């Protein structure tokens, strides 16, 4: 147990010592932003609502608003399922096609230049049939959940680029991602620590913050 606690503390320290970078360090015309599942079903109401996700809404909206007229592409994934979706065998019913839950939050709707892409699984990569990464060197990923949709999308994207010998910069700002908490079932703080460290180990650039100033 002592060894486990020591290792956990080391992983936590890894994250506390991460750098903050400035968005101006990236070429805007070669940068894309992916917003994952900042929708009503996770951030406002419903069976998978989480106050931790709701707390992401304004920081992500402010971040997106600042970049909306500058960067090359902004894509917002939103969970959107038919009532008979296979995923609903594993999770409570949520974000059904055409309902309030499946829509991105109003705070994002108010921002120009966002392309909304519905996804029927936890991994947004498989909803990207017609998205080209040509001319994009920097891919910023924000939203939820750190250990599910964020992790799956970032890792699959990195694996795809590795398979095709393509060098892209995938960035996850730690202060713009989070996961839900259920005591004794889904401990958010622990899962954030473990999965953010795993992203780092897989070649994803995890930052403490991505400053706009």
N, C-alpha and C. Protein backbone atom coordinates (compact mmCIF):
# COMPACT_ATOMS: atom_id res chain seq x y z
N UNK A 1 0.82 -1.21 0.00
CA UNK A 1 0.00 0.00 0.00
C UNK A 1 0.86 1.26 0.00
N UNK A 2 1.95 1.23 0.79
CA UNK A 2 2.83 2.40 0.83
C UNK A 2 3.42 2.69 -0.55
N UNK A 3 3.80 1.62 -1.25
CA UNK A 3 4.37 1.80 -2.59
C UNK A 3 3.33 2.40 -3.52
N UNK A 4 2.10 1.93 -3.43
CA UNK A 4 1.03 2.44 -4.28
C UNK A 4 0.79 3.93 -4.02
N UNK A 5 0.76 4.31 -2.75
CA UNK A 5 0.55 5.71 -2.39
C UNK A 5 1.71 6.58 -2.88
N UNK A 6 2.92 6.04 -2.78
CA UNK A 6 4.10 6.78 -3.25
C UNK A 6 4.03 6.99 -4.76
N UNK A 7 3.62 5.95 -5.48
CA UNK A 7 3.52 6.05 -6.94
C UNK A 7 2.42 7.05 -7.34
N UNK A 8 1.32 7.02 -6.61
CA UNK A 8 0.24 7.95 -6.89
C UNK A 8 0.69 9.39 -6.65
N UNK A 9 1.43 9.60 -5.58
CA UNK A 9 1.95 10.93 -5.29
C UNK A 9 2.90 11.40 -6.38
N UNK A 10 3.69 10.47 -6.90
CA UNK A 10 4.61 10.82 -7.99
C UNK A 10 3.85 11.22 -9.24
N UNK A 11 2.77 10.50 -9.55
CA UNK A 11 1.95 10.85 -10.71
C UNK A 11 1.30 12.21 -10.53
N UNK A 12 0.85 12.48 -9.31
CA UNK A 12 0.24 13.77 -9.01
C UNK A 12 1.27 14.89 -9.18
N UNK A 13 2.48 14.66 -8.71
CA UNK A 13 3.55 15.65 -8.85
C UNK A 13 3.89 15.92 -10.31
N UNK A 14 3.83 14.87 -11.13
CA UNK A 14 4.07 15.06 -12.56
C UNK A 14 3.16 16.13 -13.14
N UNK A 15 1.89 16.08 -12.74
CA UNK A 15 0.91 17.03 -13.26
C UNK A 15 1.10 18.42 -12.66
N UNK A 16 1.43 18.47 -11.39
CA UNK A 16 1.62 19.77 -10.74
C UNK A 16 2.81 20.52 -11.33
N UNK A 17 3.75 19.78 -11.89
CA UNK A 17 4.95 20.40 -12.46
C UNK A 17 4.87 20.64 -13.96
N UNK A 18 3.70 20.44 -14.53
CA UNK A 18 3.54 20.69 -15.96
C UNK A 18 3.66 22.18 -16.27
N UNK A 19 4.11 22.51 -17.47
CA UNK A 19 4.24 23.93 -17.83
C UNK A 19 2.91 24.54 -18.27
N UNK A 20 2.87 25.86 -18.26
CA UNK A 20 1.83 26.63 -18.91
C UNK A 20 2.42 27.23 -20.18
N UNK A 21 1.70 27.10 -21.29
CA UNK A 21 2.17 27.70 -22.54
C UNK A 21 1.17 28.75 -22.99
N UNK A 22 1.59 29.57 -23.92
CA UNK A 22 0.74 30.64 -24.44
C UNK A 22 0.24 30.27 -25.82
N UNK A 23 -1.04 30.50 -26.06
CA UNK A 23 -1.62 30.16 -27.36
C UNK A 23 -0.92 30.88 -28.50
N UNK A 24 -0.33 32.02 -28.21
CA UNK A 24 0.38 32.77 -29.26
C UNK A 24 1.64 32.06 -29.73
N UNK A 25 2.07 31.04 -28.98
CA UNK A 25 3.24 30.26 -29.41
C UNK A 25 2.91 29.35 -30.59
N UNK A 26 1.62 29.16 -30.86
CA UNK A 26 1.19 28.30 -31.96
C UNK A 26 0.73 29.16 -33.14
N UNK A 27 0.99 28.68 -34.34
CA UNK A 27 0.50 29.38 -35.52
C UNK A 27 -1.00 29.17 -35.64
N UNK A 28 -1.75 30.27 -35.56
CA UNK A 28 -3.21 30.16 -35.55
C UNK A 28 -3.75 29.49 -36.80
N UNK A 29 -3.16 29.78 -37.96
CA UNK A 29 -3.69 29.22 -39.20
C UNK A 29 -3.34 27.75 -39.37
N UNK A 30 -2.61 27.19 -38.40
CA UNK A 30 -2.29 25.76 -38.43
C UNK A 30 -2.79 25.05 -37.17
N UNK A 31 -3.80 25.67 -36.53
CA UNK A 31 -4.29 25.16 -35.25
C UNK A 31 -5.79 24.87 -35.31
N UNK A 32 -6.19 23.74 -34.74
CA UNK A 32 -7.61 23.36 -34.64
C UNK A 32 -7.96 23.11 -33.18
N UNK A 33 -9.19 23.43 -32.83
CA UNK A 33 -9.70 23.19 -31.48
C UNK A 33 -10.84 22.18 -31.55
N UNK A 34 -10.75 21.12 -30.75
CA UNK A 34 -11.83 20.14 -30.63
C UNK A 34 -12.42 20.25 -29.22
N UNK A 35 -13.72 20.53 -29.17
CA UNK A 35 -14.46 20.62 -27.91
C UNK A 35 -15.28 19.35 -27.78
N UNK A 36 -15.05 18.60 -26.73
CA UNK A 36 -15.68 17.28 -26.60
C UNK A 36 -16.80 17.31 -25.57
N UNK A 37 -18.02 17.10 -26.04
CA UNK A 37 -19.19 16.84 -25.19
C UNK A 37 -19.51 17.91 -24.15
N UNK A 38 -19.32 19.17 -24.51
CA UNK A 38 -19.84 20.23 -23.64
C UNK A 38 -21.27 20.50 -24.09
N UNK A 39 -22.12 19.58 -23.72
CA UNK A 39 -23.52 19.61 -24.14
C UNK A 39 -24.45 19.62 -22.92
N UNK A 40 -25.72 19.80 -23.19
CA UNK A 40 -26.69 19.91 -22.10
C UNK A 40 -26.80 18.64 -21.28
N UNK A 41 -26.63 17.48 -21.92
CA UNK A 41 -26.79 16.21 -21.24
C UNK A 41 -25.72 15.91 -20.22
N UNK A 42 -24.58 16.56 -20.32
CA UNK A 42 -23.51 16.36 -19.35
C UNK A 42 -23.30 17.60 -18.47
N UNK A 43 -23.61 18.78 -19.00
CA UNK A 43 -23.30 20.02 -18.29
C UNK A 43 -24.51 20.74 -17.71
N UNK A 44 -25.73 20.31 -18.07
CA UNK A 44 -26.91 21.04 -17.61
C UNK A 44 -27.92 20.16 -16.88
N UNK A 45 -28.23 18.99 -17.42
CA UNK A 45 -29.24 18.13 -16.80
C UNK A 45 -29.11 16.72 -17.36
N UNK A 46 -29.85 15.78 -16.76
CA UNK A 46 -29.90 14.43 -17.30
C UNK A 46 -29.21 13.40 -16.42
N UNK A 47 -29.31 12.15 -16.83
CA UNK A 47 -28.79 11.04 -16.03
C UNK A 47 -27.27 11.07 -15.91
N UNK A 48 -26.57 11.70 -16.85
CA UNK A 48 -25.11 11.78 -16.79
C UNK A 48 -24.62 13.20 -16.52
N UNK A 49 -25.51 14.05 -16.02
CA UNK A 49 -25.10 15.40 -15.63
C UNK A 49 -24.05 15.34 -14.52
N UNK A 50 -23.09 16.26 -14.58
CA UNK A 50 -22.09 16.37 -13.53
C UNK A 50 -21.78 17.83 -13.27
N UNK A 51 -21.79 18.28 -12.01
CA UNK A 51 -21.41 19.67 -11.72
C UNK A 51 -19.97 19.96 -12.10
N UNK A 52 -19.13 18.96 -12.11
CA UNK A 52 -17.74 19.17 -12.53
C UNK A 52 -17.68 19.54 -14.01
N UNK A 53 -18.55 18.94 -14.80
CA UNK A 53 -18.59 19.28 -16.23
C UNK A 53 -19.24 20.64 -16.43
N UNK A 54 -20.26 20.94 -15.65
CA UNK A 54 -20.87 22.27 -15.74
C UNK A 54 -19.84 23.36 -15.46
N UNK A 55 -18.92 23.09 -14.55
CA UNK A 55 -17.89 24.07 -14.22
C UNK A 55 -16.90 24.33 -15.36
N UNK A 56 -16.92 23.47 -16.37
CA UNK A 56 -16.07 23.68 -17.54
C UNK A 56 -16.68 24.63 -18.56
N UNK A 57 -18.00 24.84 -18.48
CA UNK A 57 -18.70 25.54 -19.55
C UNK A 57 -18.13 26.93 -19.80
N UNK A 58 -18.07 27.75 -18.78
CA UNK A 58 -17.63 29.13 -18.99
C UNK A 58 -16.15 29.23 -19.35
N UNK A 59 -15.25 28.50 -18.68
CA UNK A 59 -13.84 28.55 -19.12
C UNK A 59 -13.65 28.12 -20.56
N UNK A 60 -14.34 27.07 -21.00
CA UNK A 60 -14.19 26.61 -22.39
C UNK A 60 -14.85 27.58 -23.35
N UNK A 61 -16.00 28.13 -22.99
CA UNK A 61 -16.66 29.12 -23.85
C UNK A 61 -15.79 30.36 -24.00
N UNK A 62 -15.20 30.82 -22.92
CA UNK A 62 -14.33 32.00 -22.98
C UNK A 62 -13.09 31.72 -23.84
N UNK A 63 -12.52 30.55 -23.66
CA UNK A 63 -11.34 30.14 -24.44
C UNK A 63 -11.70 30.08 -25.93
N UNK A 64 -12.83 29.47 -26.23
CA UNK A 64 -13.26 29.32 -27.62
C UNK A 64 -13.59 30.66 -28.26
N UNK A 65 -14.27 31.50 -27.51
CA UNK A 65 -14.65 32.83 -28.02
C UNK A 65 -13.41 33.63 -28.42
N UNK A 66 -12.38 33.53 -27.60
CA UNK A 66 -11.14 34.26 -27.87
C UNK A 66 -10.47 33.78 -29.15
N UNK A 67 -10.64 32.50 -29.46
CA UNK A 67 -9.96 31.92 -30.62
C UNK A 67 -10.82 31.84 -31.87
N UNK A 68 -12.11 32.10 -31.75
CA UNK A 68 -13.05 31.77 -32.82
C UNK A 68 -12.74 32.43 -34.16
N UNK A 69 -12.19 33.62 -34.13
CA UNK A 69 -11.89 34.30 -35.39
C UNK A 69 -10.44 34.17 -35.81
N UNK A 70 -9.67 33.39 -35.04
CA UNK A 70 -8.23 33.34 -35.28
C UNK A 70 -7.74 32.01 -35.84
N UNK A 71 -8.25 30.90 -35.29
CA UNK A 71 -7.69 29.61 -35.66
C UNK A 71 -8.41 29.00 -36.85
N UNK A 72 -7.82 27.97 -37.40
CA UNK A 72 -8.29 27.42 -38.67
C UNK A 72 -9.61 26.66 -38.54
N UNK A 73 -9.80 25.94 -37.45
CA UNK A 73 -10.97 25.06 -37.36
C UNK A 73 -11.37 24.88 -35.90
N UNK A 74 -12.69 24.96 -35.64
CA UNK A 74 -13.23 24.63 -34.32
C UNK A 74 -14.34 23.62 -34.50
N UNK A 75 -14.19 22.47 -33.87
CA UNK A 75 -15.19 21.40 -33.97
C UNK A 75 -15.67 21.06 -32.57
N UNK A 76 -16.98 20.97 -32.41
CA UNK A 76 -17.57 20.56 -31.14
C UNK A 76 -18.28 19.22 -31.34
N UNK A 77 -17.75 18.19 -30.70
CA UNK A 77 -18.45 16.90 -30.68
C UNK A 77 -19.59 16.98 -29.67
N UNK A 78 -20.70 16.32 -29.98
CA UNK A 78 -21.75 16.16 -28.99
C UNK A 78 -22.33 14.75 -29.07
N UNK A 79 -22.48 14.12 -27.92
CA UNK A 79 -23.12 12.82 -27.87
C UNK A 79 -24.52 12.92 -28.44
N UNK A 80 -24.88 11.98 -29.31
CA UNK A 80 -26.19 12.03 -29.95
C UNK A 80 -26.57 10.61 -30.36
N UNK A 81 -27.50 10.01 -29.63
CA UNK A 81 -27.82 8.59 -29.83
C UNK A 81 -29.28 8.39 -30.24
N UNK A 82 -29.50 7.38 -31.04
CA UNK A 82 -30.86 6.91 -31.26
C UNK A 82 -31.28 6.10 -30.04
N UNK A 83 -32.58 5.96 -29.78
CA UNK A 83 -33.03 5.26 -28.57
C UNK A 83 -32.54 3.83 -28.45
N UNK A 84 -32.20 3.18 -29.58
CA UNK A 84 -31.73 1.79 -29.55
C UNK A 84 -30.21 1.69 -29.68
N UNK A 85 -29.50 2.77 -29.40
CA UNK A 85 -28.04 2.76 -29.54
C UNK A 85 -27.41 1.72 -28.62
N UNK A 86 -26.43 1.00 -29.14
CA UNK A 86 -25.75 -0.04 -28.37
C UNK A 86 -25.06 0.54 -27.14
N UNK A 87 -24.55 1.76 -27.25
CA UNK A 87 -23.87 2.37 -26.10
C UNK A 87 -24.78 2.46 -24.88
N UNK A 88 -26.08 2.56 -25.11
CA UNK A 88 -27.01 2.70 -24.00
C UNK A 88 -27.20 1.41 -23.21
N UNK A 89 -26.58 0.33 -23.68
CA UNK A 89 -26.54 -0.90 -22.89
C UNK A 89 -25.50 -0.79 -21.78
N UNK A 90 -24.56 0.14 -21.93
CA UNK A 90 -23.49 0.31 -20.95
C UNK A 90 -23.69 1.53 -20.06
N UNK A 91 -24.45 2.51 -20.54
CA UNK A 91 -24.68 3.75 -19.80
C UNK A 91 -26.18 4.02 -19.71
N UNK A 92 -26.60 4.78 -18.70
CA UNK A 92 -28.02 5.18 -18.64
C UNK A 92 -28.39 5.97 -19.91
N UNK A 93 -29.67 5.97 -20.25
CA UNK A 93 -30.13 6.70 -21.42
C UNK A 93 -29.75 8.17 -21.30
N UNK A 94 -29.15 8.69 -22.39
CA UNK A 94 -28.68 10.08 -22.37
C UNK A 94 -28.53 10.59 -23.79
N UNK A 95 -28.64 11.90 -23.95
CA UNK A 95 -28.33 12.58 -25.21
C UNK A 95 -28.98 11.89 -26.41
N UNK A 96 -30.29 11.73 -26.35
CA UNK A 96 -31.02 11.09 -27.44
C UNK A 96 -31.20 12.10 -28.58
N UNK A 97 -31.04 11.61 -29.80
CA UNK A 97 -31.10 12.44 -31.00
C UNK A 97 -32.37 13.31 -31.00
N UNK A 98 -32.19 14.61 -31.21
CA UNK A 98 -33.31 15.52 -31.30
C UNK A 98 -33.76 16.12 -29.99
N UNK A 99 -33.20 15.68 -28.87
CA UNK A 99 -33.63 16.25 -27.60
C UNK A 99 -32.65 17.29 -27.08
N UNK A 100 -33.04 17.96 -26.01
CA UNK A 100 -32.26 19.05 -25.42
C UNK A 100 -30.86 18.58 -25.02
N UNK A 101 -30.77 17.38 -24.47
CA UNK A 101 -29.49 16.89 -23.96
C UNK A 101 -28.43 16.77 -25.05
N UNK A 102 -28.83 16.46 -26.27
CA UNK A 102 -27.87 16.20 -27.34
C UNK A 102 -27.33 17.48 -27.97
N UNK A 103 -27.83 18.63 -27.55
CA UNK A 103 -27.37 19.91 -28.11
C UNK A 103 -26.19 20.45 -27.30
N UNK A 104 -25.25 21.11 -28.00
CA UNK A 104 -24.19 21.79 -27.27
C UNK A 104 -24.80 22.91 -26.44
N UNK A 105 -24.12 23.32 -25.39
CA UNK A 105 -24.66 24.33 -24.48
C UNK A 105 -24.82 25.68 -25.20
N UNK A 106 -25.74 26.48 -24.72
CA UNK A 106 -26.01 27.78 -25.35
C UNK A 106 -24.77 28.66 -25.38
N UNK A 107 -23.92 28.54 -24.37
CA UNK A 107 -22.72 29.36 -24.30
C UNK A 107 -21.80 29.13 -25.49
N UNK A 108 -21.84 27.93 -26.07
CA UNK A 108 -21.07 27.65 -27.28
C UNK A 108 -21.85 27.99 -28.54
N UNK A 109 -23.16 27.84 -28.49
CA UNK A 109 -23.98 28.19 -29.66
C UNK A 109 -23.82 29.65 -30.05
N UNK A 110 -23.52 30.47 -29.07
CA UNK A 110 -23.41 31.91 -29.31
C UNK A 110 -22.11 32.29 -30.03
N UNK A 111 -21.21 31.33 -30.19
CA UNK A 111 -19.90 31.63 -30.77
C UNK A 111 -19.88 31.24 -32.23
N UNK A 112 -19.35 32.10 -33.07
CA UNK A 112 -19.26 31.83 -34.50
C UNK A 112 -18.18 30.81 -34.80
N UNK A 113 -18.28 30.22 -35.99
CA UNK A 113 -17.22 29.37 -36.56
C UNK A 113 -17.05 28.03 -35.86
N UNK A 114 -18.08 27.55 -35.16
CA UNK A 114 -18.02 26.22 -34.56
C UNK A 114 -18.79 25.24 -35.43
N UNK A 115 -18.13 24.16 -35.82
CA UNK A 115 -18.79 23.08 -36.55
C UNK A 115 -19.19 22.00 -35.56
N UNK A 116 -20.47 21.70 -35.45
CA UNK A 116 -20.95 20.69 -34.51
C UNK A 116 -21.02 19.34 -35.20
N UNK A 117 -20.42 18.33 -34.59
CA UNK A 117 -20.44 16.98 -35.13
C UNK A 117 -21.04 16.03 -34.09
N UNK A 118 -22.21 15.43 -34.38
CA UNK A 118 -22.77 14.44 -33.46
C UNK A 118 -21.97 13.15 -33.50
N UNK A 119 -21.89 12.48 -32.37
CA UNK A 119 -21.18 11.20 -32.32
C UNK A 119 -22.03 10.18 -31.56
N UNK A 120 -21.98 8.95 -32.03
CA UNK A 120 -22.80 7.88 -31.46
C UNK A 120 -21.99 6.94 -30.58
N UNK A 121 -20.74 7.31 -30.31
CA UNK A 121 -19.92 6.52 -29.40
C UNK A 121 -19.10 7.46 -28.54
N UNK A 122 -18.39 6.90 -27.59
CA UNK A 122 -17.55 7.74 -26.73
C UNK A 122 -16.36 8.31 -27.47
N UNK A 123 -16.01 7.75 -28.62
CA UNK A 123 -14.80 8.17 -29.33
C UNK A 123 -15.15 8.99 -30.57
N UNK A 124 -14.89 10.31 -30.49
CA UNK A 124 -15.23 11.19 -31.59
C UNK A 124 -14.45 10.94 -32.86
N UNK A 125 -13.33 10.23 -32.77
CA UNK A 125 -12.52 9.97 -33.96
C UNK A 125 -13.34 9.33 -35.06
N UNK A 126 -14.25 8.44 -34.68
CA UNK A 126 -15.01 7.68 -35.68
C UNK A 126 -16.16 8.49 -36.29
N UNK A 127 -16.32 9.73 -35.85
CA UNK A 127 -17.32 10.62 -36.45
C UNK A 127 -16.68 11.60 -37.43
N UNK A 128 -15.40 11.42 -37.73
CA UNK A 128 -14.65 12.40 -38.51
C UNK A 128 -14.46 12.01 -39.97
N UNK A 129 -15.45 11.43 -40.58
CA UNK A 129 -15.32 10.93 -41.94
C UNK A 129 -14.79 11.95 -42.93
N UNK A 130 -15.28 13.18 -42.85
CA UNK A 130 -14.94 14.16 -43.88
C UNK A 130 -14.03 15.28 -43.36
N UNK A 131 -13.34 15.04 -42.24
CA UNK A 131 -12.47 16.07 -41.67
C UNK A 131 -11.03 15.82 -42.12
N UNK A 132 -10.44 16.84 -42.71
CA UNK A 132 -9.05 16.74 -43.14
C UNK A 132 -8.15 17.46 -42.14
N UNK A 133 -7.01 16.86 -41.85
CA UNK A 133 -6.02 17.48 -40.98
C UNK A 133 -4.89 18.10 -41.79
N UNK A 134 -5.09 18.19 -43.09
CA UNK A 134 -4.08 18.82 -43.94
C UNK A 134 -3.93 20.29 -43.55
N UNK A 135 -2.71 20.71 -43.34
CA UNK A 135 -2.44 22.09 -42.98
C UNK A 135 -2.62 22.39 -41.51
N UNK A 136 -2.98 21.39 -40.72
CA UNK A 136 -3.15 21.57 -39.28
C UNK A 136 -1.98 20.88 -38.56
N UNK A 137 -1.22 21.63 -37.82
CA UNK A 137 -0.10 21.08 -37.06
C UNK A 137 -0.42 20.92 -35.58
N UNK A 138 -1.33 21.74 -35.08
CA UNK A 138 -1.64 21.76 -33.65
C UNK A 138 -3.10 21.45 -33.41
N UNK A 139 -3.37 20.46 -32.57
CA UNK A 139 -4.74 20.04 -32.29
C UNK A 139 -4.96 20.15 -30.78
N UNK A 140 -5.80 21.10 -30.38
CA UNK A 140 -6.10 21.32 -28.97
C UNK A 140 -7.41 20.59 -28.65
N UNK A 141 -7.40 19.81 -27.56
CA UNK A 141 -8.58 19.04 -27.17
C UNK A 141 -9.01 19.47 -25.77
N UNK A 142 -10.28 19.86 -25.63
CA UNK A 142 -10.83 20.27 -24.34
C UNK A 142 -12.18 19.60 -24.14
N UNK A 143 -12.67 19.56 -22.90
CA UNK A 143 -14.00 19.03 -22.65
C UNK A 143 -14.02 17.88 -21.66
N UNK A 144 -14.88 16.91 -21.91
CA UNK A 144 -15.04 15.79 -20.99
C UNK A 144 -15.33 14.49 -21.76
N UNK A 145 -15.12 13.38 -21.12
CA UNK A 145 -14.53 13.18 -19.80
C UNK A 145 -13.06 12.78 -19.97
N UNK A 146 -12.22 13.22 -19.05
CA UNK A 146 -10.79 12.99 -19.15
C UNK A 146 -10.46 11.53 -19.45
N UNK A 147 -11.11 10.63 -18.73
CA UNK A 147 -10.76 9.21 -18.80
C UNK A 147 -11.56 8.43 -19.84
N UNK A 148 -12.51 9.09 -20.51
CA UNK A 148 -13.33 8.37 -21.49
C UNK A 148 -13.19 9.05 -22.85
N UNK A 149 -14.03 10.02 -23.14
CA UNK A 149 -14.07 10.61 -24.48
C UNK A 149 -12.81 11.40 -24.83
N UNK A 150 -12.27 12.17 -23.89
CA UNK A 150 -11.03 12.89 -24.14
C UNK A 150 -9.90 11.91 -24.40
N UNK A 151 -9.76 10.95 -23.51
CA UNK A 151 -8.67 9.98 -23.61
C UNK A 151 -8.77 9.17 -24.90
N UNK A 152 -9.94 8.66 -25.20
CA UNK A 152 -10.10 7.82 -26.39
C UNK A 152 -9.81 8.60 -27.67
N UNK A 153 -10.32 9.82 -27.75
CA UNK A 153 -10.11 10.62 -28.95
C UNK A 153 -8.63 10.98 -29.12
N UNK A 154 -8.00 11.45 -28.07
CA UNK A 154 -6.59 11.85 -28.16
C UNK A 154 -5.69 10.66 -28.50
N UNK A 155 -5.92 9.54 -27.85
CA UNK A 155 -5.07 8.36 -28.08
C UNK A 155 -5.30 7.79 -29.48
N UNK A 156 -6.53 7.72 -29.92
CA UNK A 156 -6.81 7.20 -31.26
C UNK A 156 -6.24 8.11 -32.32
N UNK A 157 -6.39 9.42 -32.12
CA UNK A 157 -5.82 10.38 -33.05
C UNK A 157 -4.31 10.24 -33.13
N UNK A 158 -3.66 10.13 -31.97
CA UNK A 158 -2.21 9.96 -31.94
C UNK A 158 -1.80 8.66 -32.61
N UNK A 159 -2.53 7.59 -32.36
CA UNK A 159 -2.22 6.29 -32.98
C UNK A 159 -2.37 6.34 -34.49
N UNK A 160 -3.42 7.04 -34.95
CA UNK A 160 -3.63 7.20 -36.40
C UNK A 160 -2.47 7.95 -37.03
N UNK A 161 -2.05 9.03 -36.40
CA UNK A 161 -0.92 9.79 -36.94
C UNK A 161 0.37 8.96 -36.91
N UNK A 162 0.59 8.22 -35.83
CA UNK A 162 1.78 7.38 -35.74
C UNK A 162 1.78 6.31 -36.84
N UNK A 163 0.64 5.68 -37.04
CA UNK A 163 0.53 4.63 -38.05
C UNK A 163 0.88 5.16 -39.44
N UNK A 164 0.50 6.41 -39.69
CA UNK A 164 0.73 7.01 -41.00
C UNK A 164 1.97 7.91 -41.04
N UNK A 165 2.77 7.82 -39.97
CA UNK A 165 4.04 8.56 -39.88
C UNK A 165 3.83 10.06 -40.10
N UNK A 166 2.80 10.59 -39.43
CA UNK A 166 2.46 12.00 -39.52
C UNK A 166 2.76 12.65 -38.17
N UNK A 167 3.48 13.74 -38.19
CA UNK A 167 3.86 14.41 -36.94
C UNK A 167 2.92 15.58 -36.67
N UNK A 168 2.07 15.44 -35.67
CA UNK A 168 1.16 16.50 -35.25
C UNK A 168 1.33 16.74 -33.76
N UNK A 169 1.00 17.94 -33.35
CA UNK A 169 1.12 18.35 -31.96
C UNK A 169 -0.27 18.28 -31.33
N UNK A 170 -0.53 17.29 -30.47
CA UNK A 170 -1.83 17.15 -29.81
C UNK A 170 -1.70 17.69 -28.39
N UNK A 171 -2.53 18.69 -28.07
CA UNK A 171 -2.40 19.42 -26.81
C UNK A 171 -3.67 19.27 -25.98
N UNK A 172 -3.52 18.92 -24.71
CA UNK A 172 -4.64 18.85 -23.77
C UNK A 172 -4.34 19.77 -22.59
N UNK A 173 -5.01 20.92 -22.49
CA UNK A 173 -4.83 21.79 -21.32
C UNK A 173 -5.57 21.18 -20.12
N UNK A 174 -4.84 20.94 -19.07
CA UNK A 174 -5.39 20.21 -17.92
C UNK A 174 -6.55 20.95 -17.25
N UNK A 175 -6.54 22.29 -17.31
CA UNK A 175 -7.59 23.06 -16.66
C UNK A 175 -8.86 23.17 -17.50
N UNK A 176 -8.86 22.57 -18.69
CA UNK A 176 -10.04 22.61 -19.56
C UNK A 176 -10.59 21.22 -19.85
N UNK A 177 -10.23 20.25 -19.01
CA UNK A 177 -10.81 18.91 -19.09
C UNK A 177 -11.18 18.45 -17.68
N UNK A 178 -12.14 17.56 -17.60
CA UNK A 178 -12.50 16.99 -16.29
C UNK A 178 -13.35 15.75 -16.52
N UNK A 179 -13.64 15.05 -15.43
CA UNK A 179 -14.52 13.89 -15.48
C UNK A 179 -15.50 13.96 -14.33
N UNK A 180 -16.49 13.10 -14.33
CA UNK A 180 -17.51 13.09 -13.29
C UNK A 180 -17.04 12.31 -12.08
N UNK A 181 -17.70 12.54 -10.96
CA UNK A 181 -17.32 11.87 -9.72
C UNK A 181 -18.50 11.11 -9.13
N UNK A 182 -18.28 9.82 -8.84
CA UNK A 182 -19.23 9.02 -8.08
C UNK A 182 -18.42 8.34 -6.98
N UNK A 183 -18.62 8.70 -5.71
CA UNK A 183 -17.83 8.12 -4.63
C UNK A 183 -17.84 6.60 -4.63
N UNK A 184 -16.65 6.04 -4.49
CA UNK A 184 -16.44 4.58 -4.41
C UNK A 184 -16.72 3.84 -5.72
N UNK A 185 -17.05 4.60 -6.77
CA UNK A 185 -17.32 3.99 -8.07
C UNK A 185 -16.45 4.61 -9.16
N UNK A 186 -16.46 5.92 -9.24
CA UNK A 186 -15.74 6.64 -10.29
C UNK A 186 -15.07 7.86 -9.66
N UNK A 187 -13.91 7.66 -9.02
CA UNK A 187 -13.25 8.77 -8.31
C UNK A 187 -12.57 9.73 -9.27
N UNK A 188 -13.14 10.91 -9.45
CA UNK A 188 -12.68 11.84 -10.48
C UNK A 188 -11.22 12.24 -10.31
N UNK A 189 -10.84 12.60 -9.10
CA UNK A 189 -9.47 13.07 -8.90
C UNK A 189 -8.45 12.01 -9.25
N UNK A 190 -8.70 10.79 -8.81
CA UNK A 190 -7.78 9.68 -9.11
C UNK A 190 -7.72 9.41 -10.61
N UNK A 191 -8.87 9.37 -11.26
CA UNK A 191 -8.89 9.06 -12.68
C UNK A 191 -8.26 10.17 -13.50
N UNK A 192 -8.44 11.41 -13.10
CA UNK A 192 -7.76 12.51 -13.79
C UNK A 192 -6.24 12.32 -13.72
N UNK A 193 -5.74 11.99 -12.54
CA UNK A 193 -4.30 11.80 -12.37
C UNK A 193 -3.78 10.68 -13.25
N UNK A 194 -4.45 9.54 -13.21
CA UNK A 194 -3.97 8.37 -13.95
C UNK A 194 -4.05 8.59 -15.46
N UNK A 195 -5.17 9.11 -15.94
CA UNK A 195 -5.35 9.21 -17.39
C UNK A 195 -4.59 10.37 -18.00
N UNK A 196 -4.43 11.46 -17.28
CA UNK A 196 -3.60 12.55 -17.81
C UNK A 196 -2.14 12.11 -17.91
N UNK A 197 -1.68 11.35 -16.92
CA UNK A 197 -0.32 10.81 -17.00
C UNK A 197 -0.18 9.84 -18.16
N UNK A 198 -1.20 9.04 -18.39
CA UNK A 198 -1.15 8.11 -19.51
C UNK A 198 -1.10 8.84 -20.85
N UNK A 199 -1.84 9.94 -20.96
CA UNK A 199 -1.76 10.75 -22.18
C UNK A 199 -0.32 11.22 -22.41
N UNK A 200 0.31 11.70 -21.36
CA UNK A 200 1.70 12.16 -21.48
C UNK A 200 2.60 11.03 -21.97
N UNK A 201 2.44 9.87 -21.37
CA UNK A 201 3.28 8.72 -21.72
C UNK A 201 3.06 8.25 -23.15
N UNK A 202 1.92 8.61 -23.72
CA UNK A 202 1.61 8.24 -25.10
C UNK A 202 1.90 9.34 -26.10
N UNK A 203 2.61 10.36 -25.67
CA UNK A 203 3.05 11.40 -26.61
C UNK A 203 2.13 12.58 -26.78
N UNK A 204 1.11 12.70 -25.92
CA UNK A 204 0.22 13.86 -25.95
C UNK A 204 0.83 14.95 -25.08
N UNK A 205 0.78 16.19 -25.55
CA UNK A 205 1.29 17.31 -24.75
C UNK A 205 0.20 17.78 -23.79
N UNK A 206 0.32 17.38 -22.54
CA UNK A 206 -0.59 17.84 -21.50
C UNK A 206 0.03 19.05 -20.83
N UNK A 207 -0.73 20.14 -20.75
CA UNK A 207 -0.27 21.38 -20.16
C UNK A 207 -1.08 21.72 -18.92
N UNK A 208 -0.46 22.41 -17.99
CA UNK A 208 -1.22 22.89 -16.84
C UNK A 208 -2.29 23.86 -17.31
N UNK A 209 -1.94 24.68 -18.26
CA UNK A 209 -2.88 25.65 -18.82
C UNK A 209 -2.37 26.12 -20.16
N UNK A 210 -3.29 26.60 -20.99
CA UNK A 210 -2.92 27.22 -22.26
C UNK A 210 -3.41 28.66 -22.19
N UNK A 211 -2.48 29.55 -21.90
CA UNK A 211 -2.83 30.94 -21.64
C UNK A 211 -3.19 31.68 -22.92
N UNK A 212 -4.14 32.60 -22.80
CA UNK A 212 -4.56 33.42 -23.94
C UNK A 212 -3.86 34.78 -23.93
N UNK A 213 -3.06 35.05 -22.89
CA UNK A 213 -2.39 36.36 -22.79
C UNK A 213 -0.88 36.20 -22.82
